[in-house]
Amino acid sequence: MEKDVYKIRSVSACLKAAAVLLRTNLTTVVKKLWLPALGIAIVKALIVTSSMHTTEAFVLHQPVSILASTATGLLALLLLVAECWFFAWLYDSLNEHGKKWNTMRSAKVMATVVLLNLLFACLTGGLAIAFLHTKAAANMTIGQFYAGMFGGGLLLYLILLLALLPFVYFFTKYMMEKETSLRRGLWSELKPGYKHYGFLLSALLLAGFITVIIACVVKTPDSILGYSYLSSLIGMSKGDPSGLPSYFNIIVFASGVITDFILCFVAAWNILVCFYVYGSIEEKENAKTRLTDINFQ
């Protein structure tokens, strides 16, 4: 694919370049990514249908099957594998380092993201336990406590997400350049991301906003099905029979597969946005280096 990545671009130019690259190579991208995209869509749909059974058992005070809980955990692992596959095959078209190399790097990126999320979970869990032993928590109702924990956890997550935003630049650089390491010189690799933080944040916020709008439209069938399911579940909790047809889960599964398959290619556009943002930051840094060298001559 013709990429022309190392070029100084504005935020809107990065988004446009990503859209143009995806549109002009759509047939190639679909041929290359349809299988991992289908894998992601199927696993996500299975997670949703499995979660429906667990939620129903919880609301109706029925025992939750250990098998169902185990299956959900295994499906989550499968989802990581499918996403790693998708990520690697997309980058194989961008850097031409080969599928094996990209798969290994993609797996390391995924493992790092999982580790960061686990550290965040441990941090929020520790803070929740510490708060539980304070006087303020003792004077709260259960509802107030959980609402406070949710709000505090969400705020902490947003703060950490903003603080770690330059990792998006770093992970893209790691996928593009063989000499970049996850361990050696981490700060020097992250530094350009922090220097151009505003540019990075603006691009990702705008891309995220567009993605949310598209997702809301694409996921409309799932939202309608979800509303029907919740309405039925509320009625069942009051003793009413289920108003859903016996094939409802099949409809949910099929709808989830179709919508998530489409959204995989929206996710591909987001990855391409990060790709062009990385290229723009690299070119800005290179331009500064060249200017410095000229001044010293």
Protein backbone atom coordinates (compact mmCIF):
# COMPACT_ATOMS: atom_id res chain seq x y z
CA MET A 1 0.00 0.00 0.00
CA GLU A 2 1.20 3.53 -0.81
CA LYS A 3 1.51 5.12 2.62
CA ASP A 4 3.75 8.25 2.61
CA VAL A 5 3.70 8.19 6.41
CA TYR A 6 6.71 10.36 7.28
CA LYS A 7 5.22 13.75 6.52
CA ILE A 8 4.18 16.65 8.76
CA ARG A 9 0.38 16.69 8.87
CA SER A 10 -2.32 18.45 10.84
CA VAL A 11 -4.82 16.50 12.96
CA SER A 12 -7.48 16.59 10.24
CA ALA A 13 -4.90 15.62 7.60
CA CYS A 14 -3.94 12.53 9.62
CA LEU A 15 -7.58 11.45 9.84
CA LYS A 16 -8.13 12.14 6.15
CA ALA A 17 -4.95 10.28 5.12
CA ALA A 18 -6.05 7.25 7.16
CA ALA A 19 -9.50 7.31 5.53
CA VAL A 20 -8.03 7.68 2.03
CA LEU A 21 -5.57 4.82 2.60
CA LEU A 22 -8.36 2.57 3.86
CA ARG A 23 -10.75 3.53 1.07
CA THR A 24 -8.27 3.16 -1.80
CA ASN A 25 -7.06 -0.21 -0.51
CA LEU A 26 -10.38 -1.46 0.85
CA THR A 27 -10.46 -4.63 -1.27
CA THR A 28 -6.91 -5.55 -0.23
CA VAL A 29 -7.61 -4.77 3.43
CA VAL A 30 -10.82 -6.82 3.49
CA LYS A 31 -9.13 -9.78 1.77
CA LYS A 32 -6.30 -9.67 4.30
CA LEU A 33 -8.29 -8.97 7.46
CA TRP A 34 -11.68 -10.61 6.95
CA LEU A 35 -10.69 -13.82 8.75
CA PRO A 36 -9.27 -12.23 11.95
CA ALA A 37 -12.13 -9.70 11.86
CA LEU A 38 -14.64 -12.54 11.67
CA GLY A 39 -12.85 -14.28 14.54
CA ILE A 40 -13.12 -11.14 16.69
CA ALA A 41 -16.80 -10.71 15.79
CA ILE A 42 -17.69 -14.34 16.59
CA VAL A 43 -15.86 -14.33 19.93
CA LYS A 44 -17.45 -11.01 20.96
CA ALA A 45 -20.91 -12.32 20.03
CA LEU A 46 -20.28 -15.48 22.06
CA ILE A 47 -19.20 -13.37 25.05
CA VAL A 48 -22.44 -11.36 24.81
CA THR A 49 -24.68 -14.44 24.64
CA SER A 50 -22.74 -16.11 27.47
CA SER A 51 -23.06 -12.95 29.59
CA MET A 52 -26.81 -12.92 28.96
CA HIS A 53 -27.16 -16.34 30.61
CA THR A 54 -25.02 -15.25 33.57
CA THR A 55 -26.97 -11.99 34.00
CA GLU A 56 -30.30 -13.82 33.84
CA ALA A 57 -29.18 -16.31 36.50
CA PHE A 58 -27.96 -13.48 38.75
CA VAL A 59 -31.15 -11.38 38.42
CA LEU A 60 -33.44 -14.39 38.96
CA HIS A 61 -31.35 -15.59 41.93
CA GLN A 62 -30.38 -18.81 40.20
CA PRO A 63 -27.00 -20.53 40.62
CA VAL A 64 -24.42 -19.32 38.11
CA SER A 65 -22.84 -22.20 36.25
CA ILE A 66 -19.10 -22.58 36.82
CA LEU A 67 -18.89 -23.80 33.24
CA ALA A 68 -20.44 -20.54 31.98
CA SER A 69 -17.99 -18.43 34.02
CA THR A 70 -15.05 -20.51 32.79
CA ALA A 71 -16.28 -20.26 29.20
CA THR A 72 -16.46 -16.46 29.47
CA GLY A 73 -12.88 -16.33 30.74
CA LEU A 74 -11.66 -18.57 27.91
CA LEU A 75 -13.55 -16.46 25.38
CA ALA A 76 -11.82 -13.35 26.75
CA LEU A 77 -8.45 -15.02 26.12
CA LEU A 78 -9.57 -16.01 22.62
CA LEU A 79 -10.57 -12.40 22.00
CA LEU A 80 -7.05 -11.25 22.87
CA VAL A 81 -5.62 -13.82 20.46
CA ALA A 82 -7.99 -12.72 17.67
CA GLU A 83 -7.21 -9.03 18.26
CA CYS A 84 -3.47 -9.79 18.23
CA TRP A 85 -3.98 -11.61 14.92
CA PHE A 86 -5.92 -8.67 13.44
CA PHE A 87 -3.37 -6.12 14.70
CA ALA A 88 -0.42 -8.11 13.33
CA TRP A 89 -1.90 -8.69 9.88
CA LEU A 90 -2.84 -5.03 9.49
CA TYR A 91 0.68 -3.91 10.40
CA ASP A 92 2.10 -6.49 8.00
CA SER A 93 0.64 -4.32 5.22
CA LEU A 94 2.20 -1.18 6.72
CA ASN A 95 5.75 -2.18 7.64
CA GLU A 96 6.33 -5.27 5.46
CA HIS A 97 8.38 -6.97 8.20
CA GLY A 98 6.52 -10.25 7.76
CA LYS A 99 3.61 -11.90 9.55
CA LYS A 100 5.79 -13.79 12.07
CA TRP A 101 7.65 -10.66 13.18
CA ASN A 102 4.45 -8.63 13.42
CA THR A 103 2.66 -11.38 15.33
CA MET A 104 5.45 -11.53 17.93
CA ARG A 105 5.49 -7.77 18.35
CA SER A 106 1.71 -7.59 18.43
CA ALA A 107 1.64 -10.24 21.17
CA LYS A 108 4.15 -8.23 23.22
CA VAL A 109 2.07 -5.06 22.81
CA MET A 110 -1.10 -6.91 23.87
CA ALA A 111 0.71 -8.44 26.86
CA THR A 112 1.93 -4.98 27.92
CA VAL A 113 -1.58 -3.53 27.64
CA VAL A 114 -2.99 -6.42 29.70
CA LEU A 115 -0.25 -5.90 32.31
CA LEU A 116 -1.03 -2.18 32.55
CA ASN A 117 -4.73 -2.98 33.02
CA LEU A 118 -3.93 -5.52 35.74
CA LEU A 119 -1.77 -2.96 37.53
CA PHE A 120 -4.64 -0.48 37.30
CA ALA A 121 -7.06 -3.09 38.69
CA CYS A 122 -4.70 -3.77 41.61
CA LEU A 123 -4.34 -0.04 42.25
CA THR A 124 -8.08 0.65 42.25
CA GLY A 125 -8.73 -2.48 44.32
CA GLY A 126 -6.16 -1.39 46.90
CA LEU A 127 -7.63 2.11 47.07
CA ALA A 128 -11.15 0.66 47.45
CA ILE A 129 -10.02 -1.52 50.37
CA ALA A 130 -8.23 1.43 51.98
CA PHE A 131 -11.31 3.64 51.56
CA LEU A 132 -13.50 0.90 53.03
CA HIS A 133 -11.71 1.32 56.37
CA THR A 134 -12.19 5.10 56.56
CA LYS A 135 -14.81 6.94 58.61
CA ALA A 136 -16.35 8.43 55.47
CA ALA A 137 -17.13 4.95 54.13
CA ALA A 138 -18.67 3.91 57.45
CA ASN A 139 -21.27 6.68 57.17
CA MET A 140 -22.28 5.73 53.61
CA THR A 141 -25.08 3.50 52.43
CA ILE A 142 -24.21 0.53 50.21
CA GLY A 143 -25.52 2.41 47.18
CA GLN A 144 -23.48 5.52 47.97
CA PHE A 145 -20.37 3.42 48.54
CA TYR A 146 -20.62 1.59 45.21
CA ALA A 147 -21.49 4.81 43.37
CA GLY A 148 -18.44 6.47 44.93
CA MET A 149 -16.23 3.52 44.01
CA PHE A 150 -17.50 3.56 40.43
CA GLY A 151 -17.07 7.32 40.05
CA GLY A 152 -13.65 7.32 41.72
CA GLY A 153 -12.48 4.35 39.66
CA LEU A 154 -13.67 5.96 36.43
CA LEU A 155 -11.93 9.24 37.29
CA LEU A 156 -8.70 7.43 38.17
CA TYR A 157 -8.91 5.42 34.95
CA LEU A 158 -9.31 8.60 32.87
CA ILE A 159 -6.34 10.24 34.62
CA LEU A 160 -4.12 7.21 34.01
CA LEU A 161 -5.36 6.91 30.43
CA LEU A 162 -4.42 10.53 29.74
CA ALA A 163 -1.05 10.08 31.47
CA LEU A 164 -0.25 6.98 29.40
CA LEU A 165 -1.54 8.38 26.09
CA PRO A 166 1.99 8.70 24.59
CA PHE A 167 2.18 4.90 24.73
CA VAL A 168 -0.04 4.98 21.61
CA TYR A 169 2.81 6.72 19.78
CA PHE A 170 5.38 4.39 21.34
CA PHE A 171 3.49 1.19 20.47
CA THR A 172 3.09 2.39 16.87
CA LYS A 173 6.81 3.14 16.68
CA TYR A 174 7.51 -0.29 18.20
CA MET A 175 5.44 -1.94 15.47
CA MET A 176 7.11 0.06 12.69
CA GLU A 177 10.79 0.09 13.66
CA LYS A 178 12.77 -3.08 14.34
CA GLU A 179 15.35 -1.31 16.52
CA THR A 180 12.72 -0.03 18.99
CA SER A 181 12.59 -2.02 22.23
CA LEU A 182 9.97 -2.32 24.98
CA ARG A 183 12.69 -2.35 27.63
CA ARG A 184 15.73 -0.36 26.45
CA GLY A 185 15.49 3.43 26.35
CA LEU A 186 11.78 3.52 27.12
CA TRP A 187 11.75 7.16 28.24
CA SER A 188 13.68 8.37 25.19
CA GLU A 189 11.13 6.61 22.97
CA LEU A 190 8.17 8.01 24.92
CA LYS A 191 9.56 11.56 25.11
CA PRO A 192 8.40 12.66 21.60
CA GLY A 193 4.90 11.46 22.50
CA TYR A 194 4.84 13.72 25.57
CA LYS A 195 6.39 16.63 23.63
CA HIS A 196 3.58 16.43 21.07
CA TYR A 197 0.92 15.47 23.63
CA GLY A 198 -1.62 18.06 22.45
CA PHE A 199 -1.37 16.89 18.85
CA LEU A 200 -1.68 13.25 19.90
CA LEU A 201 -4.63 13.93 22.22
CA SER A 202 -6.49 16.03 19.63
CA ALA A 203 -6.11 13.38 16.93
CA LEU A 204 -7.22 10.51 19.15
CA LEU A 205 -10.14 12.47 20.64
CA LEU A 206 -11.45 13.43 17.20
CA ALA A 207 -10.98 9.89 15.87
CA GLY A 208 -12.67 8.52 18.98
CA PHE A 209 -15.61 10.91 18.61
CA ILE A 210 -16.12 9.88 14.98
CA THR A 211 -15.81 6.21 15.96
CA VAL A 212 -18.46 6.58 18.68
CA ILE A 213 -20.90 8.15 16.19
CA ILE A 214 -20.31 5.35 13.66
CA ALA A 215 -20.58 2.69 16.39
CA CYS A 216 -23.89 4.14 17.62
CA VAL A 217 -25.33 3.83 14.11
CA VAL A 218 -23.87 0.38 13.38
CA LYS A 219 -24.86 -0.99 16.79
CA THR A 220 -28.49 0.18 16.54
CA PRO A 221 -29.81 -3.39 15.99
CA ASP A 222 -27.84 -4.61 19.02
CA SER A 223 -29.22 -1.74 21.12
CA ILE A 224 -32.80 -2.64 20.16
CA LEU A 225 -32.19 -6.30 21.01
CA GLY A 226 -30.53 -5.31 24.28
CA TYR A 227 -33.51 -3.16 25.27
CA SER A 228 -35.88 -6.05 24.49
CA TYR A 229 -33.76 -8.41 26.59
CA LEU A 230 -33.64 -6.05 29.58
CA SER A 231 -37.40 -5.40 29.39
CA SER A 232 -38.04 -9.15 29.40
CA LEU A 233 -35.58 -9.67 32.25
CA ILE A 234 -37.28 -7.01 34.39
CA GLY A 235 -40.62 -8.69 33.77
CA MET A 236 -39.19 -12.12 34.67
CA SER A 237 -37.77 -10.72 37.91
CA LYS A 238 -41.38 -9.79 38.83
CA GLY A 239 -42.68 -13.26 38.03
CA ASP A 240 -43.82 -12.72 34.44
CA PRO A 241 -42.91 -15.25 31.73
CA SER A 242 -40.27 -14.37 29.17
CA GLY A 243 -41.70 -12.50 26.20
CA LEU A 244 -38.78 -13.36 23.94
CA PRO A 245 -38.89 -16.02 21.20
CA SER A 246 -36.87 -19.21 21.64
CA TYR A 247 -34.50 -18.17 18.84
CA PHE A 248 -33.73 -14.77 20.43
CA ASN A 249 -30.15 -15.76 21.34
CA ILE A 250 -29.49 -16.75 17.73
CA ILE A 251 -30.68 -13.31 16.57
CA VAL A 252 -28.44 -11.62 19.17
CA PHE A 253 -25.47 -13.72 18.08
CA ALA A 254 -26.02 -13.07 14.35
CA SER A 255 -26.53 -9.34 14.89
CA GLY A 256 -23.40 -9.15 17.05
CA VAL A 257 -21.27 -10.95 14.46
CA ILE A 258 -22.39 -8.64 11.64
CA THR A 259 -22.03 -5.36 13.56
CA ASP A 260 -18.71 -6.24 15.22
CA PHE A 261 -17.31 -7.41 11.88
CA ILE A 262 -18.08 -3.98 10.41
CA LEU A 263 -16.62 -2.20 13.44
CA CYS A 264 -13.36 -4.11 13.05
CA PHE A 265 -12.68 -2.05 9.92
CA VAL A 266 -13.55 1.13 11.80
CA ALA A 267 -10.93 0.00 14.33
CA ALA A 268 -8.52 -0.48 11.40
CA TRP A 269 -9.10 3.17 10.48
CA ASN A 270 -8.24 4.18 14.06
CA ILE A 271 -4.99 2.20 13.86
CA LEU A 272 -4.18 3.98 10.59
CA VAL A 273 -4.84 7.34 12.28
CA CYS A 274 -2.27 6.37 14.95
CA PHE A 275 0.05 5.34 12.11
CA TYR A 276 -0.11 8.78 10.47
CA VAL A 277 0.11 10.60 13.82
CA TYR A 278 3.29 8.63 14.55
CA GLY A 279 4.70 9.53 11.11
CA SER A 280 3.92 13.21 11.61
CA ILE A 281 5.58 13.28 15.06
CA GLU A 282 8.64 11.47 13.69
CA GLU A 283 8.97 13.94 10.83
CA LYS A 284 8.61 16.92 13.20
CA GLU A 285 11.39 15.50 15.39
CA ASN A 286 13.58 14.84 12.35
CA ALA A 287 12.97 18.38 11.06
CA LYS A 288 14.10 19.81 14.42
CA THR A 289 17.21 17.64 14.34
CA ARG A 290 18.06 18.79 10.81
CA LEU A 291 17.52 22.44 11.79
CA THR A 292 19.79 22.03 14.82
CA ASP A 293 22.49 20.44 12.67
CA ILE A 294 22.29 23.34 10.18
CA ASN A 295 22.60 25.91 12.99
CA PHE A 296 25.72 24.22 14.32
CA GLN A 297 27.40 24.20 10.91
